[in-house]
Amino acid sequence: MRTLCVRLTGVLNTTQYSWRQDNIIMFNFV
């Protein structure tokens, strides 16, 4: 569920959280 939320937030704010989205997703996957 957290990954989905993060993904949605990233898609909504791809320009603002472009690097943050990658970092959070990577961390979750790791």
PDB file of N, CA and C in Angstrom:
ATOM      1  N   MET A   1       0.853  -1.208   0.000  1.00  0.00           N
ATOM      2  CA  MET A   1       0.000   0.000   0.000  1.00  0.00           C
ATOM      3  C   MET A   1       0.883   1.250   0.000  1.00  0.00           C
ATOM      4  N   ARG A   2       1.968   1.167   0.757  1.00  0.00           N
ATOM      5  CA  ARG A   2       2.850   2.331   0.850  1.00  0.00           C
ATOM      6  C   ARG A   2       3.475   2.621  -0.521  1.00  0.00           C
ATOM      7  N   THR A   3       3.854   1.547  -1.220  1.00  0.00           N
ATOM      8  CA  THR A   3       4.466   1.738  -2.532  1.00  0.00           C
ATOM      9  C   THR A   3       3.494   2.434  -3.471  1.00  0.00           C
ATOM     10  N   LEU A   4       2.223   2.054  -3.399  1.00  0.00           N
ATOM     11  CA  LEU A   4       1.223   2.675  -4.273  1.00  0.00           C
ATOM     12  C   LEU A   4       1.096   4.154  -3.963  1.00  0.00           C
ATOM     13  N   CYS A   5       1.025   4.463  -2.687  1.00  0.00           N
ATOM     14  CA  CYS A   5       0.912   5.876  -2.276  1.00  0.00           C
ATOM     15  C   CYS A   5       2.110   6.665  -2.783  1.00  0.00           C
ATOM     16  N   VAL A   6       3.280   6.116  -2.591  1.00  0.00           N
ATOM     17  CA  VAL A   6       4.501   6.794  -3.043  1.00  0.00           C
ATOM     18  C   VAL A   6       4.462   6.986  -4.542  1.00  0.00           C
ATOM     19  N   ARG A   7       4.020   5.955  -5.239  1.00  0.00           N
ATOM     20  CA  ARG A   7       3.975   6.025  -6.709  1.00  0.00           C
ATOM     21  C   ARG A   7       2.992   7.103  -7.140  1.00  0.00           C
ATOM     22  N   LEU A   8       1.834   7.127  -6.506  1.00  0.00           N
ATOM     23  CA  LEU A   8       0.833   8.145  -6.844  1.00  0.00           C
ATOM     24  C   LEU A   8       1.388   9.535  -6.597  1.00  0.00           C
ATOM     25  N   THR A   9       2.016   9.704  -5.461  1.00  0.00           N
ATOM     26  CA  THR A   9       2.591  11.012  -5.131  1.00  0.00           C
ATOM     27  C   THR A   9       3.644  11.393  -6.154  1.00  0.00           C
ATOM     28  N   GLY A  10       4.455  10.420  -6.551  1.00  0.00           N
ATOM     29  CA  GLY A  10       5.494  10.685  -7.539  1.00  0.00           C
ATOM     30  C   GLY A  10       4.885  11.092  -8.868  1.00  0.00           C
ATOM     31  N   VAL A  11       3.845  10.380  -9.276  1.00  0.00           N
ATOM     32  CA  VAL A  11       3.204  10.698 -10.556  1.00  0.00           C
ATOM     33  C   VAL A  11       2.578  12.091 -10.498  1.00  0.00           C
ATOM     34  N   LEU A  12       2.008  12.423  -9.339  1.00  0.00           N
ATOM     35  CA  LEU A  12       1.365  13.735  -9.200  1.00  0.00           C
ATOM     36  C   LEU A  12       2.400  14.846  -9.142  1.00  0.00           C
ATOM     37  N   ASN A  13       3.490  14.588  -8.446  1.00  0.00           N
ATOM     38  CA  ASN A  13       4.546  15.605  -8.314  1.00  0.00           C
ATOM     39  C   ASN A  13       5.862  15.056  -8.853  1.00  0.00           C
ATOM     40  N   THR A  14       5.833  14.645 -10.111  1.00  0.00           N
ATOM     41  CA  THR A  14       7.044  14.065 -10.706  1.00  0.00           C
ATOM     42  C   THR A  14       8.138  15.108 -10.793  1.00  0.00           C
ATOM     43  N   THR A  15       7.750  16.344 -11.057  1.00  0.00           N
ATOM     44  CA  THR A  15       8.757  17.398 -11.220  1.00  0.00           C
ATOM     45  C   THR A  15       9.321  17.811  -9.866  1.00  0.00           C
ATOM     46  N   GLN A  16       8.484  17.815  -8.842  1.00  0.00           N
ATOM     47  CA  GLN A  16       8.945  18.256  -7.523  1.00  0.00           C
ATOM     48  C   GLN A  16       9.616  17.113  -6.764  1.00  0.00           C
ATOM     49  N   TYR A  17       9.074  15.912  -6.900  1.00  0.00           N
ATOM     50  CA  TYR A  17       9.649  14.768  -6.174  1.00  0.00           C
ATOM     51  C   TYR A  17      10.190  13.729  -7.150  1.00  0.00           C
ATOM     52  N   SER A  18      10.935  14.195  -8.118  1.00  0.00           N
ATOM     53  CA  SER A  18      11.489  13.270  -9.115  1.00  0.00           C
ATOM     54  C   SER A  18      12.582  12.420  -8.481  1.00  0.00           C
ATOM     55  N   TRP A  19      13.515  13.079  -7.780  1.00  0.00           N
ATOM     56  CA  TRP A  19      14.604  12.333  -7.151  1.00  0.00           C
ATOM     57  C   TRP A  19      14.110  11.636  -5.886  1.00  0.00           C
ATOM     58  N   ARG A  20      13.192  12.274  -5.179  1.00  0.00           N
ATOM     59  CA  ARG A  20      12.682  11.685  -3.939  1.00  0.00           C
ATOM     60  C   ARG A  20      11.903  10.408  -4.266  1.00  0.00           C
ATOM     61  N   GLN A  21      11.102  10.448  -5.286  1.00  0.00           N
ATOM     62  CA  GLN A  21      10.317   9.276  -5.675  1.00  0.00           C
ATOM     63  C   GLN A  21      11.240   8.086  -5.907  1.00  0.00           C
ATOM     64  N   ASP A  22      12.301   8.307  -6.676  1.00  0.00           N
ATOM     65  CA  ASP A  22      13.241   7.219  -6.961  1.00  0.00           C
ATOM     66  C   ASP A  22      13.853   6.699  -5.669  1.00  0.00           C
ATOM     67  N   ASN A  23      14.285   7.605  -4.804  1.00  0.00           N
ATOM     68  CA  ASN A  23      14.913   7.199  -3.555  1.00  0.00           C
ATOM     69  C   ASN A  23      13.957   6.379  -2.698  1.00  0.00           C
ATOM     70  N   ILE A  24      12.734   6.856  -2.533  1.00  0.00           N
ATOM     71  CA  ILE A  24      11.764   6.151  -1.688  1.00  0.00           C
ATOM     72  C   ILE A  24      11.436   4.782  -2.291  1.00  0.00           C
ATOM     73  N   ILE A  25      11.175   4.749  -3.596  1.00  0.00           N
ATOM     74  CA  ILE A  25      10.829   3.480  -4.243  1.00  0.00           C
ATOM     75  C   ILE A  25      11.987   2.501  -4.101  1.00  0.00           C
ATOM     76  N   MET A  26      13.203   2.987  -4.355  1.00  0.00           N
ATOM     77  CA  MET A  26      14.369   2.115  -4.232  1.00  0.00           C
ATOM     78  C   MET A  26      14.464   1.565  -2.813  1.00  0.00           C
ATOM     79  N   PHE A  27      14.291   2.438  -1.839  1.00  0.00           N
ATOM     80  CA  PHE A  27      14.381   2.021  -0.437  1.00  0.00           C
ATOM     81  C   PHE A  27      13.324   0.961  -0.136  1.00  0.00           C
ATOM     82  N   ASN A  28      12.105   1.179  -0.617  1.00  0.00           N
ATOM     83  CA  ASN A  28      11.034   0.216  -0.366  1.00  0.00           C
ATOM     84  C   ASN A  28      11.362  -1.126  -1.013  1.00  0.00           C
ATOM     85  N   PHE A  29      11.859  -1.079  -2.241  1.00  0.00           N
ATOM     86  CA  PHE A  29      12.182  -2.314  -2.941  1.00  0.00           C
ATOM     87  C   PHE A  29      13.335  -3.044  -2.259  1.00  0.00           C
ATOM     88  N   VAL A  30      14.301  -2.280  -1.785  1.00  0.00           N
ATOM     89  CA  VAL A  30      15.454  -2.905  -1.120  1.00  0.00           C
ATOM     90  C   VAL A  30      14.959  -3.576   0.153  1.00  0.00           C
TER      91      VAL A  30
END
